[in-house]
């Protein structure tokens, strides 16, 4: 399934017997193009979980902004095939020009990297769409009606910005999968939420020009979203999850928690005593994720502790 998703090949789900215990069909069906089962009633319920298909007629124009420095973004083909007008903008700060599949439908902006906030805002200033969709280069939206679903939810809910659902890769580790289900759970309607995630989120361009993204190195979505009306649309799925590696987890946790503390949230691991108190809690994640998970959990705790030390006056 992972290989098919990366190649943009259609997936059909056929279930002729009950799936193994623990199988999360609500993680699998949104990745597929069609579904059929031995039970017509089950088929009907699963059809509602398929990604949004094409429904031509929308007059909206969406500028998709994808910063990258590692690869040609994986989701370009799906984004170019949406059922509304799309302007693809790839923001590249790599040492050499980008080359690869899907770039023929995109405009590449060579911008110096000034952090997540300022770099994205510079791309917004050069965009031409009525709406702006922020995403990342290792995410793949699902369904030709993905962007239209977000546009409709943004307007119906009167939100300032709206976040899409993130689904783990079929081979993601159990901890990443569980956390994504908690962060962006399945559902059948958009709703207000207290968070914004630029892994996959839609804004009106006019809103971003009137209230620009903050000039911060990371977590610009956290900083911008405070005090604004934010929405979540579970019917617009995007495949995205990172492999868990200690060094990456330490750096990212430290950087993001530094921003959380900067906006007034309490530090989760404020001192050495709190760090030592948290160590026994590593036991369950190790049972869930395997022996190597102890290093990942320790890296996250140390990142939170480092963020608290960084934030001290």
C-alpha atoms as a PDB file:
ATOM      1  CA  UNK A   1       0.000   0.000   0.000  1.00  0.00           C
ATOM      2  CA  UNK A   2       2.814   2.392   0.796  1.00  0.00           C
ATOM      3  CA  UNK A   3       4.418   1.821  -2.607  1.00  0.00           C
ATOM      4  CA  UNK A   4       1.092   2.346  -4.383  1.00  0.00           C
ATOM      5  CA  UNK A   5       0.457   5.586  -2.497  1.00  0.00           C
ATOM      6  CA  UNK A   6       3.901   6.914  -3.404  1.00  0.00           C
ATOM      7  CA  UNK A   7       3.347   6.036  -7.075  1.00  0.00           C
ATOM      8  CA  UNK A   8      -0.153   7.515  -7.104  1.00  0.00           C
ATOM      9  CA  UNK A   9      -1.740   4.192  -8.066  1.00  0.00           C
ATOM     10  CA  UNK A  10      -5.426   3.604  -7.234  1.00  0.00           C
ATOM     11  CA  UNK A  11      -6.211   1.264  -4.342  1.00  0.00           C
ATOM     12  CA  UNK A  12      -9.289  -0.973  -4.110  1.00  0.00           C
ATOM     13  CA  UNK A  13     -10.174  -2.564  -0.797  1.00  0.00           C
ATOM     14  CA  UNK A  14     -11.895  -5.952  -0.972  1.00  0.00           C
ATOM     15  CA  UNK A  15     -12.868  -7.711   2.264  1.00  0.00           C
ATOM     16  CA  UNK A  16     -14.307 -11.201   1.879  1.00  0.00           C
ATOM     17  CA  UNK A  17     -13.887 -12.168   5.507  1.00  0.00           C
ATOM     18  CA  UNK A  18     -13.630 -10.225   8.758  1.00  0.00           C
ATOM     19  CA  UNK A  19     -10.267  -8.411   9.059  1.00  0.00           C
ATOM     20  CA  UNK A  20      -7.768  -9.456  11.758  1.00  0.00           C
ATOM     21  CA  UNK A  21      -8.395  -8.108  15.285  1.00  0.00           C
ATOM     22  CA  UNK A  22      -7.034  -4.617  15.760  1.00  0.00           C
ATOM     23  CA  UNK A  23      -7.311  -3.648  12.084  1.00  0.00           C
ATOM     24  CA  UNK A  24      -8.255   0.027  11.792  1.00  0.00           C
ATOM     25  CA  UNK A  25     -10.459   0.280   8.734  1.00  0.00           C
ATOM     26  CA  UNK A  26     -10.923   3.998   9.461  1.00  0.00           C
ATOM     27  CA  UNK A  27      -7.181   4.361   8.760  1.00  0.00           C
ATOM     28  CA  UNK A  28      -7.244   2.200   5.619  1.00  0.00           C
ATOM     29  CA  UNK A  29     -10.454   3.090   3.766  1.00  0.00           C
ATOM     30  CA  UNK A  30      -9.619   6.833   3.366  1.00  0.00           C
ATOM     31  CA  UNK A  31      -6.532   5.754   1.383  1.00  0.00           C
ATOM     32  CA  UNK A  32      -8.571   3.796  -1.162  1.00  0.00           C
ATOM     33  CA  UNK A  33     -10.543   4.619  -4.285  1.00  0.00           C
ATOM     34  CA  UNK A  34     -13.213   1.926  -3.876  1.00  0.00           C
ATOM     35  CA  UNK A  35     -14.323  -0.673  -1.354  1.00  0.00           C
ATOM     36  CA  UNK A  36     -16.324  -3.904  -1.455  1.00  0.00           C
ATOM     37  CA  UNK A  37     -17.056  -6.465   1.276  1.00  0.00           C
ATOM     38  CA  UNK A  38     -18.966  -9.658   1.938  1.00  0.00           C
ATOM     39  CA  UNK A  39     -21.564  -7.642   3.852  1.00  0.00           C
ATOM     40  CA  UNK A  40     -23.544  -4.952   1.945  1.00  0.00           C
ATOM     41  CA  UNK A  41     -24.272  -3.118   5.189  1.00  0.00           C
ATOM     42  CA  UNK A  42     -20.549  -2.913   5.964  1.00  0.00           C
ATOM     43  CA  UNK A  43     -19.857  -1.790   2.411  1.00  0.00           C
ATOM     44  CA  UNK A  44     -22.342   1.062   2.811  1.00  0.00           C
ATOM     45  CA  UNK A  45     -20.726   2.279   6.042  1.00  0.00           C
ATOM     46  CA  UNK A  46     -17.221   2.092   4.568  1.00  0.00           C
ATOM     47  CA  UNK A  47     -18.207   3.963   1.407  1.00  0.00           C
ATOM     48  CA  UNK A  48     -18.817   7.022   3.591  1.00  0.00           C
ATOM     49  CA  UNK A  49     -15.143   6.877   4.678  1.00  0.00           C
ATOM     50  CA  UNK A  50     -13.652   6.987   1.163  1.00  0.00           C
ATOM     51  CA  UNK A  51     -11.726  10.176   0.338  1.00  0.00           C
ATOM     52  CA  UNK A  52     -13.746  12.940  -1.339  1.00  0.00           C
ATOM     53  CA  UNK A  53     -14.133  12.368  -5.060  1.00  0.00           C
ATOM     54  CA  UNK A  54     -14.296  14.922  -7.837  1.00  0.00           C
ATOM     55  CA  UNK A  55     -17.307  17.195  -8.064  1.00  0.00           C
ATOM     56  CA  UNK A  56     -16.613  19.823 -10.735  1.00  0.00           C
ATOM     57  CA  UNK A  57     -18.161  23.235 -10.562  1.00  0.00           C
ATOM     58  CA  UNK A  58     -16.212  24.993  -7.809  1.00  0.00           C
ATOM     59  CA  UNK A  59     -15.001  28.417  -8.852  1.00  0.00           C
ATOM     60  CA  UNK A  60     -12.356  28.592  -6.133  1.00  0.00           C
ATOM     61  CA  UNK A  61      -8.650  28.970  -6.848  1.00  0.00           C
ATOM     62  CA  UNK A  62      -6.236  27.543  -4.284  1.00  0.00           C
ATOM     63  CA  UNK A  63      -2.518  28.290  -4.071  1.00  0.00           C
ATOM     64  CA  UNK A  64      -0.741  25.256  -2.617  1.00  0.00           C
ATOM     65  CA  UNK A  65       2.531  26.161  -0.870  1.00  0.00           C
ATOM     66  CA  UNK A  66       4.997  23.336  -0.203  1.00  0.00           C
ATOM     67  CA  UNK A  67       8.398  24.185   1.310  1.00  0.00           C
ATOM     68  CA  UNK A  68      11.073  21.583   0.544  1.00  0.00           C
ATOM     69  CA  UNK A  69      14.796  21.101   0.794  1.00  0.00           C
ATOM     70  CA  UNK A  70      15.013  17.314   0.541  1.00  0.00           C
ATOM     71  CA  UNK A  71      12.879  15.999  -2.317  1.00  0.00           C
ATOM     72  CA  UNK A  72      10.282  16.674  -4.944  1.00  0.00           C
ATOM     73  CA  UNK A  73       7.036  16.790  -2.906  1.00  0.00           C
ATOM     74  CA  UNK A  74       5.223  13.467  -2.954  1.00  0.00           C
ATOM     75  CA  UNK A  75       1.708  14.892  -3.262  1.00  0.00           C
ATOM     76  CA  UNK A  76       2.106  17.002  -6.412  1.00  0.00           C
ATOM     77  CA  UNK A  77       0.241  14.615  -8.728  1.00  0.00           C
ATOM     78  CA  UNK A  78      -2.812  14.431  -6.449  1.00  0.00           C
ATOM     79  CA  UNK A  79      -2.823  18.187  -5.877  1.00  0.00           C
ATOM     80  CA  UNK A  80      -2.599  18.890  -9.606  1.00  0.00           C
ATOM     81  CA  UNK A  81      -5.624  16.619 -10.221  1.00  0.00           C
ATOM     82  CA  UNK A  82      -8.034  18.419  -7.859  1.00  0.00           C
ATOM     83  CA  UNK A  83     -11.525  19.352  -9.025  1.00  0.00           C
ATOM     84  CA  UNK A  84     -10.875  23.087  -8.693  1.00  0.00           C
ATOM     85  CA  UNK A  85      -8.218  25.473  -9.972  1.00  0.00           C
ATOM     86  CA  UNK A  86      -4.847  24.909  -8.274  1.00  0.00           C
ATOM     87  CA  UNK A  87      -1.644  26.940  -8.306  1.00  0.00           C
ATOM     88  CA  UNK A  88       1.214  24.708  -7.123  1.00  0.00           C
ATOM     89  CA  UNK A  89       4.109  26.587  -5.502  1.00  0.00           C
ATOM     90  CA  UNK A  90       7.152  24.634  -4.356  1.00  0.00           C
ATOM     91  CA  UNK A  91       9.461  26.701  -2.133  1.00  0.00           C
ATOM     92  CA  UNK A  92      13.003  25.403  -2.536  1.00  0.00           C
ATOM     93  CA  UNK A  93      16.141  26.476  -0.709  1.00  0.00           C
ATOM     94  CA  UNK A  94      18.332  23.545  -1.700  1.00  0.00           C
ATOM     95  CA  UNK A  95      21.807  23.926  -3.198  1.00  0.00           C
ATOM     96  CA  UNK A  96      20.733  22.722  -6.661  1.00  0.00           C
ATOM     97  CA  UNK A  97      17.599  23.239  -8.779  1.00  0.00           C
ATOM     98  CA  UNK A  98      14.812  20.727  -8.212  1.00  0.00           C
ATOM     99  CA  UNK A  99      14.091  18.103 -10.847  1.00  0.00           C
ATOM    100  CA  UNK A 100      11.619  15.255 -10.779  1.00  0.00           C
ATOM    101  CA  UNK A 101       8.095  14.018 -11.498  1.00  0.00           C
ATOM    102  CA  UNK A 102       5.243  16.446 -11.048  1.00  0.00           C
ATOM    103  CA  UNK A 103       7.291  19.634 -11.167  1.00  0.00           C
ATOM    104  CA  UNK A 104       6.043  20.451 -14.659  1.00  0.00           C
ATOM    105  CA  UNK A 105       2.752  21.491 -13.077  1.00  0.00           C
ATOM    106  CA  UNK A 106       4.361  23.569 -10.311  1.00  0.00           C
ATOM    107  CA  UNK A 107       6.043  26.949  -9.960  1.00  0.00           C
ATOM    108  CA  UNK A 108       9.328  26.677  -8.055  1.00  0.00           C
ATOM    109  CA  UNK A 109      10.237  29.649  -5.870  1.00  0.00           C
ATOM    110  CA  UNK A 110      13.910  29.830  -4.938  1.00  0.00           C
ATOM    111  CA  UNK A 111      13.717  31.547  -1.559  1.00  0.00           C
ATOM    112  CA  UNK A 112      16.283  31.632   1.242  1.00  0.00           C
ATOM    113  CA  UNK A 113      15.158  29.703   4.290  1.00  0.00           C
ATOM    114  CA  UNK A 114      14.121  32.184   7.008  1.00  0.00           C
ATOM    115  CA  UNK A 115      12.243  29.782   9.230  1.00  0.00           C
ATOM    116  CA  UNK A 116       8.813  28.236   8.780  1.00  0.00           C
ATOM    117  CA  UNK A 117       6.892  31.437   9.435  1.00  0.00           C
ATOM    118  CA  UNK A 118       8.688  34.044   7.333  1.00  0.00           C
ATOM    119  CA  UNK A 119       9.443  31.695   4.414  1.00  0.00           C
ATOM    120  CA  UNK A 120       5.831  30.603   4.074  1.00  0.00           C
ATOM    121  CA  UNK A 121       4.645  34.203   4.334  1.00  0.00           C
ATOM    122  CA  UNK A 122       6.952  35.286   1.507  1.00  0.00           C
ATOM    123  CA  UNK A 123       5.378  32.580  -0.656  1.00  0.00           C
ATOM    124  CA  UNK A 124       1.896  33.815   0.307  1.00  0.00           C
ATOM    125  CA  UNK A 125       2.837  37.277  -0.946  1.00  0.00           C
ATOM    126  CA  UNK A 126       3.639  35.808  -4.384  1.00  0.00           C
ATOM    127  CA  UNK A 127       0.610  33.516  -4.564  1.00  0.00           C
ATOM    128  CA  UNK A 128      -2.439  34.391  -6.665  1.00  0.00           C
ATOM    129  CA  UNK A 129      -5.183  32.131  -5.273  1.00  0.00           C
ATOM    130  CA  UNK A 130      -8.166  33.200  -3.211  1.00  0.00           C
ATOM    131  CA  UNK A 131      -7.164  30.469  -0.741  1.00  0.00           C
ATOM    132  CA  UNK A 132      -3.785  29.178   0.452  1.00  0.00           C
ATOM    133  CA  UNK A 133      -3.164  25.556   1.380  1.00  0.00           C
ATOM    134  CA  UNK A 134      -0.022  24.846   3.390  1.00  0.00           C
ATOM    135  CA  UNK A 135       1.446  21.357   3.356  1.00  0.00           C
ATOM    136  CA  UNK A 136       4.810  19.560   3.575  1.00  0.00           C
ATOM    137  CA  UNK A 137       6.850  17.613   1.060  1.00  0.00           C
ATOM    138  CA  UNK A 138       6.260  14.175   2.631  1.00  0.00           C
ATOM    139  CA  UNK A 139       2.442  14.341   2.777  1.00  0.00           C
ATOM    140  CA  UNK A 140       0.012  12.938   0.189  1.00  0.00           C
ATOM    141  CA  UNK A 141      -3.579  14.266   0.065  1.00  0.00           C
ATOM    142  CA  UNK A 142      -6.263  11.698  -0.774  1.00  0.00           C
ATOM    143  CA  UNK A 143      -9.105  12.246  -3.223  1.00  0.00           C
ATOM    144  CA  UNK A 144      -9.703  14.635  -6.115  1.00  0.00           C
ATOM    145  CA  UNK A 145     -12.121  16.613  -3.928  1.00  0.00           C
ATOM    146  CA  UNK A 146      -9.655  17.071  -1.062  1.00  0.00           C
ATOM    147  CA  UNK A 147      -9.113  20.823  -1.433  1.00  0.00           C
ATOM    148  CA  UNK A 148     -12.744  21.541  -2.313  1.00  0.00           C
ATOM    149  CA  UNK A 149     -13.851  19.777   0.875  1.00  0.00           C
ATOM    150  CA  UNK A 150     -11.571  22.045   2.904  1.00  0.00           C
ATOM    151  CA  UNK A 151     -12.765  25.192   1.093  1.00  0.00           C
ATOM    152  CA  UNK A 152     -16.401  24.316   1.717  1.00  0.00           C
ATOM    153  CA  UNK A 153     -15.788  23.536   5.392  1.00  0.00           C
ATOM    154  CA  UNK A 154     -13.799  26.767   5.883  1.00  0.00           C
ATOM    155  CA  UNK A 155     -16.682  28.830   4.524  1.00  0.00           C
ATOM    156  CA  UNK A 156     -19.510  26.847   6.140  1.00  0.00           C
ATOM    157  CA  UNK A 157     -17.874  27.060   9.564  1.00  0.00           C
ATOM    158  CA  UNK A 158     -16.720  30.665   9.246  1.00  0.00           C
ATOM    159  CA  UNK A 159     -13.225  29.607  10.326  1.00  0.00           C
ATOM    160  CA  UNK A 160     -10.048  31.638   9.958  1.00  0.00           C
ATOM    161  CA  UNK A 161      -8.211  28.443   8.968  1.00  0.00           C
ATOM    162  CA  UNK A 162      -8.985  24.734   8.843  1.00  0.00           C
ATOM    163  CA  UNK A 163      -6.828  21.635   9.357  1.00  0.00           C
ATOM    164  CA  UNK A 164      -7.132  18.348   7.436  1.00  0.00           C
ATOM    165  CA  UNK A 165      -7.018  14.864   8.929  1.00  0.00           C
ATOM    166  CA  UNK A 166      -3.630  13.136   9.077  1.00  0.00           C
ATOM    167  CA  UNK A 167      -3.577   9.359   8.545  1.00  0.00           C
ATOM    168  CA  UNK A 168      -0.526   7.185   9.306  1.00  0.00           C
ATOM    169  CA  UNK A 169       1.207   5.219   6.602  1.00  0.00           C
ATOM    170  CA  UNK A 170       0.134   1.561   6.462  1.00  0.00           C
ATOM    171  CA  UNK A 171       3.526   0.586   7.924  1.00  0.00           C
ATOM    172  CA  UNK A 172       3.752   3.354  10.549  1.00  0.00           C
ATOM    173  CA  UNK A 173       4.784   2.370  14.061  1.00  0.00           C
ATOM    174  CA  UNK A 174       1.932   1.914  16.572  1.00  0.00           C
ATOM    175  CA  UNK A 175       2.820   4.980  18.645  1.00  0.00           C
ATOM    176  CA  UNK A 176       2.806   7.351  15.656  1.00  0.00           C
ATOM    177  CA  UNK A 177      -0.473   5.848  14.490  1.00  0.00           C
ATOM    178  CA  UNK A 178      -2.094   6.188  17.922  1.00  0.00           C
ATOM    179  CA  UNK A 179      -0.960   9.786  18.330  1.00  0.00           C
ATOM    180  CA  UNK A 180      -2.273  10.795  14.919  1.00  0.00           C
ATOM    181  CA  UNK A 181      -5.661   9.237  15.699  1.00  0.00           C
ATOM    182  CA  UNK A 182      -5.765  11.314  18.866  1.00  0.00           C
ATOM    183  CA  UNK A 183      -4.596  14.498  17.126  1.00  0.00           C
ATOM    184  CA  UNK A 184      -6.851  14.255  14.051  1.00  0.00           C
ATOM    185  CA  UNK A 185      -9.489  11.554  14.670  1.00  0.00           C
ATOM    186  CA  UNK A 186     -12.011  10.249  12.114  1.00  0.00           C
ATOM    187  CA  UNK A 187     -15.382  11.948  11.838  1.00  0.00           C
ATOM    188  CA  UNK A 188     -18.221  12.850   9.493  1.00  0.00           C
ATOM    189  CA  UNK A 189     -18.348  16.656   9.766  1.00  0.00           C
ATOM    190  CA  UNK A 190     -16.089  19.660  10.307  1.00  0.00           C
ATOM    191  CA  UNK A 191     -15.971  21.182  13.796  1.00  0.00           C
ATOM    192  CA  UNK A 192     -14.173  23.922  15.776  1.00  0.00           C
ATOM    193  CA  UNK A 193     -10.872  22.905  17.377  1.00  0.00           C
ATOM    194  CA  UNK A 194      -8.152  24.695  19.378  1.00  0.00           C
ATOM    195  CA  UNK A 195      -5.291  23.734  17.037  1.00  0.00           C
ATOM    196  CA  UNK A 196      -3.889  24.460  13.571  1.00  0.00           C
ATOM    197  CA  UNK A 197      -1.388  22.211  11.785  1.00  0.00           C
ATOM    198  CA  UNK A 198       0.420  23.333   8.635  1.00  0.00           C
ATOM    199  CA  UNK A 199       1.123  19.760   7.659  1.00  0.00           C
ATOM    200  CA  UNK A 200      -2.216  20.232   5.867  1.00  0.00           C
ATOM    201  CA  UNK A 201      -4.226  23.410   6.476  1.00  0.00           C
ATOM    202  CA  UNK A 202      -6.236  25.896   4.417  1.00  0.00           C
ATOM    203  CA  UNK A 203      -6.429  29.700   4.872  1.00  0.00           C
ATOM    204  CA  UNK A 204      -7.952  32.574   2.960  1.00  0.00           C
ATOM    205  CA  UNK A 205      -5.090  34.487   1.376  1.00  0.00           C
ATOM    206  CA  UNK A 206      -6.670  37.806   2.405  1.00  0.00           C
ATOM    207  CA  UNK A 207      -6.573  36.691   6.056  1.00  0.00           C
ATOM    208  CA  UNK A 208      -2.863  35.890   5.823  1.00  0.00           C
ATOM    209  CA  UNK A 209      -2.087  39.229   4.166  1.00  0.00           C
ATOM    210  CA  UNK A 210      -3.996  41.105   6.859  1.00  0.00           C
ATOM    211  CA  UNK A 211      -2.493  39.020   9.674  1.00  0.00           C
ATOM    212  CA  UNK A 212       0.833  37.531   8.507  1.00  0.00           C
ATOM    213  CA  UNK A 213       2.428  34.403   9.910  1.00  0.00           C
ATOM    214  CA  UNK A 214       4.829  35.235  12.755  1.00  0.00           C
ATOM    215  CA  UNK A 215       8.540  35.336  12.058  1.00  0.00           C
ATOM    216  CA  UNK A 216       9.478  32.234  14.080  1.00  0.00           C
ATOM    217  CA  UNK A 217      11.700  29.269  13.177  1.00  0.00           C
ATOM    218  CA  UNK A 218       9.000  26.650  13.800  1.00  0.00           C
ATOM    219  CA  UNK A 219       5.440  26.260  15.150  1.00  0.00           C
ATOM    220  CA  UNK A 220       4.222  29.293  13.219  1.00  0.00           C
ATOM    221  CA  UNK A 221       0.838  27.555  13.044  1.00  0.00           C
ATOM    222  CA  UNK A 222       0.687  27.438  16.858  1.00  0.00           C
ATOM    223  CA  UNK A 223       1.591  31.116  17.175  1.00  0.00           C
ATOM    224  CA  UNK A 224      -0.704  32.352  14.369  1.00  0.00           C
ATOM    225  CA  UNK A 225      -3.692  30.321  15.502  1.00  0.00           C
ATOM    226  CA  UNK A 226      -3.913  31.709  19.023  1.00  0.00           C
ATOM    227  CA  UNK A 227      -7.101  33.719  19.457  1.00  0.00           C
ATOM    228  CA  UNK A 228      -8.467  32.776  16.031  1.00  0.00           C
ATOM    229  CA  UNK A 229     -11.411  30.599  15.026  1.00  0.00           C
ATOM    230  CA  UNK A 230      -9.938  27.299  13.843  1.00  0.00           C
ATOM    231  CA  UNK A 231     -11.652  24.288  12.308  1.00  0.00           C
ATOM    232  CA  UNK A 232     -10.937  20.636  11.612  1.00  0.00           C
ATOM    233  CA  UNK A 233     -12.266  18.649   8.630  1.00  0.00           C
ATOM    234  CA  UNK A 234     -11.878  14.862   9.133  1.00  0.00           C
ATOM    235  CA  UNK A 235     -13.311  14.112   5.676  1.00  0.00           C
ATOM    236  CA  UNK A 236     -10.208  15.581   3.966  1.00  0.00           C
ATOM    237  CA  UNK A 237      -7.455  13.001   4.626  1.00  0.00           C
ATOM    238  CA  UNK A 238      -3.738  13.313   4.017  1.00  0.00           C
ATOM    239  CA  UNK A 239      -1.190  10.521   4.519  1.00  0.00           C
ATOM    240  CA  UNK A 240       1.629  11.712   6.733  1.00  0.00           C
ATOM    241  CA  UNK A 241       3.747  10.299   9.572  1.00  0.00           C
ATOM    242  CA  UNK A 242       7.427  10.531  10.474  1.00  0.00           C
ATOM    243  CA  UNK A 243       9.657   7.610  11.335  1.00  0.00           C
ATOM    244  CA  UNK A 244      10.608   7.868  15.008  1.00  0.00           C
ATOM    245  CA  UNK A 245      14.358   8.459  15.446  1.00  0.00           C
ATOM    246  CA  UNK A 246      15.895   9.706  18.724  1.00  0.00           C
ATOM    247  CA  UNK A 247      17.970  12.570  17.283  1.00  0.00           C
ATOM    248  CA  UNK A 248      15.094  13.903  15.166  1.00  0.00           C
ATOM    249  CA  UNK A 249      12.649  13.598  18.069  1.00  0.00           C
ATOM    250  CA  UNK A 250      14.963  15.490  20.421  1.00  0.00           C
ATOM    251  CA  UNK A 251      15.502  18.395  18.014  1.00  0.00           C
ATOM    252  CA  UNK A 252      11.859  18.728  16.995  1.00  0.00           C
ATOM    253  CA  UNK A 253      10.481  18.349  20.534  1.00  0.00           C
ATOM    254  CA  UNK A 254      12.903  20.931  21.884  1.00  0.00           C
ATOM    255  CA  UNK A 255      12.087  23.456  19.135  1.00  0.00           C
ATOM    256  CA  UNK A 256       8.302  23.066  19.299  1.00  0.00           C
ATOM    257  CA  UNK A 257       8.061  23.055  23.094  1.00  0.00           C
ATOM    258  CA  UNK A 258      10.199  26.193  23.211  1.00  0.00           C
ATOM    259  CA  UNK A 259       7.448  27.905  21.201  1.00  0.00           C
ATOM    260  CA  UNK A 260       4.710  26.490  23.435  1.00  0.00           C
ATOM    261  CA  UNK A 261       6.451  27.953  26.482  1.00  0.00           C
ATOM    262  CA  UNK A 262       7.002  31.255  24.664  1.00  0.00           C
ATOM    263  CA  UNK A 263       3.231  31.744  24.286  1.00  0.00           C
ATOM    264  CA  UNK A 264       2.668  31.188  28.004  1.00  0.00           C
ATOM    265  CA  UNK A 265       1.982  27.470  28.256  1.00  0.00           C
ATOM    266  CA  UNK A 266       3.574  25.674  31.233  1.00  0.00           C
ATOM    267  CA  UNK A 267       6.626  23.549  30.594  1.00  0.00           C
ATOM    268  CA  UNK A 268       5.829  19.838  30.623  1.00  0.00           C
ATOM    269  CA  UNK A 269       9.228  18.915  32.073  1.00  0.00           C
ATOM    270  CA  UNK A 270      10.210  22.107  33.909  1.00  0.00           C
ATOM    271  CA  UNK A 271      13.182  20.803  35.904  1.00  0.00           C
ATOM    272  CA  UNK A 272      15.409  17.830  36.628  1.00  0.00           C
ATOM    273  CA  UNK A 273      13.033  16.519  39.293  1.00  0.00           C
ATOM    274  CA  UNK A 274      10.159  16.411  36.824  1.00  0.00           C
ATOM    275  CA  UNK A 275      12.404  14.651  34.327  1.00  0.00           C
ATOM    276  CA  UNK A 276      13.283  11.927  36.851  1.00  0.00           C
ATOM    277  CA  UNK A 277       9.633  11.569  37.861  1.00  0.00           C
ATOM    278  CA  UNK A 278       8.668  10.987  34.234  1.00  0.00           C
ATOM    279  CA  UNK A 279      11.119   8.154  33.619  1.00  0.00           C
ATOM    280  CA  UNK A 280       8.888   5.348  34.991  1.00  0.00           C
ATOM    281  CA  UNK A 281       6.290   6.340  32.422  1.00  0.00           C
ATOM    282  CA  UNK A 282       8.543   4.983  29.667  1.00  0.00           C
ATOM    283  CA  UNK A 283       7.482   1.423  30.456  1.00  0.00           C
ATOM    284  CA  UNK A 284       4.157   1.350  28.601  1.00  0.00           C
ATOM    285  CA  UNK A 285       5.417   2.941  25.343  1.00  0.00           C
ATOM    286  CA  UNK A 286       8.218   0.355  25.311  1.00  0.00           C
ATOM    287  CA  UNK A 287       5.632  -2.420  25.590  1.00  0.00           C
ATOM    288  CA  UNK A 288       3.631  -0.821  22.775  1.00  0.00           C
ATOM    289  CA  UNK A 289       6.472   0.152  20.466  1.00  0.00           C
ATOM    290  CA  UNK A 290       9.238  -2.326  21.247  1.00  0.00           C
ATOM    291  CA  UNK A 291      12.609  -2.065  23.051  1.00  0.00           C
ATOM    292  CA  UNK A 292      13.982   0.636  20.724  1.00  0.00           C
ATOM    293  CA  UNK A 293      11.124   2.910  21.767  1.00  0.00           C
ATOM    294  CA  UNK A 294      12.824   3.628  25.093  1.00  0.00           C
ATOM    295  CA  UNK A 295      15.377   5.794  23.255  1.00  0.00           C
ATOM    296  CA  UNK A 296      12.610   7.655  21.422  1.00  0.00           C
ATOM    297  CA  UNK A 297      10.693   8.322  24.625  1.00  0.00           C
ATOM    298  CA  UNK A 298      13.845   9.471  26.415  1.00  0.00           C
ATOM    299  CA  UNK A 299      14.661  11.791  23.502  1.00  0.00           C
ATOM    300  CA  UNK A 300      11.223  13.421  23.729  1.00  0.00           C
ATOM    301  CA  UNK A 301      11.507  13.905  27.489  1.00  0.00           C
ATOM    302  CA  UNK A 302      14.973  15.408  27.146  1.00  0.00           C
ATOM    303  CA  UNK A 303      13.678  17.694  24.380  1.00  0.00           C
ATOM    304  CA  UNK A 304      10.932  18.985  26.679  1.00  0.00           C
ATOM    305  CA  UNK A 305      13.455  19.475  29.487  1.00  0.00           C
ATOM    306  CA  UNK A 306      15.844  21.331  27.136  1.00  0.00           C
ATOM    307  CA  UNK A 307      12.986  23.580  25.986  1.00  0.00           C
ATOM    308  CA  UNK A 308      12.224  24.532  29.590  1.00  0.00           C
ATOM    309  CA  UNK A 309      15.870  25.400  30.205  1.00  0.00           C
ATOM    310  CA  UNK A 310      16.027  27.443  26.989  1.00  0.00           C
ATOM    311  CA  UNK A 311      12.955  29.432  28.007  1.00  0.00           C
ATOM    312  CA  UNK A 312      14.305  30.400  31.431  1.00  0.00           C
ATOM    313  CA  UNK A 313      15.152  34.111  31.754  1.00  0.00           C
END
